[in-house]
Amino acid sequence: MTGQILTGPAITALNTFMQPYAVEHKAFKGARVQGNAVTIALPPRSIVILKLEYREILY
């Protein structure tokens, strides 16, 4: 599983020429997989994208 997070210091934050990195994306580490469940801790003021890989389990 991989993830990206887009967040800033306030809900109204935006990038400008004077502050080009007020809102930025980086790797997201707040999710984990246990068995067939995913647990996610979403921070406030953020958008998170998770990429999950499907693996078929044969019994």
Foldseek 3Di string as FASTA:
>chain_A
DWKKKWAADDLPDDADPVRNVRIDMDTDDQWDDDPPDIDGDDDPGMDMDDDDDDDDDDD
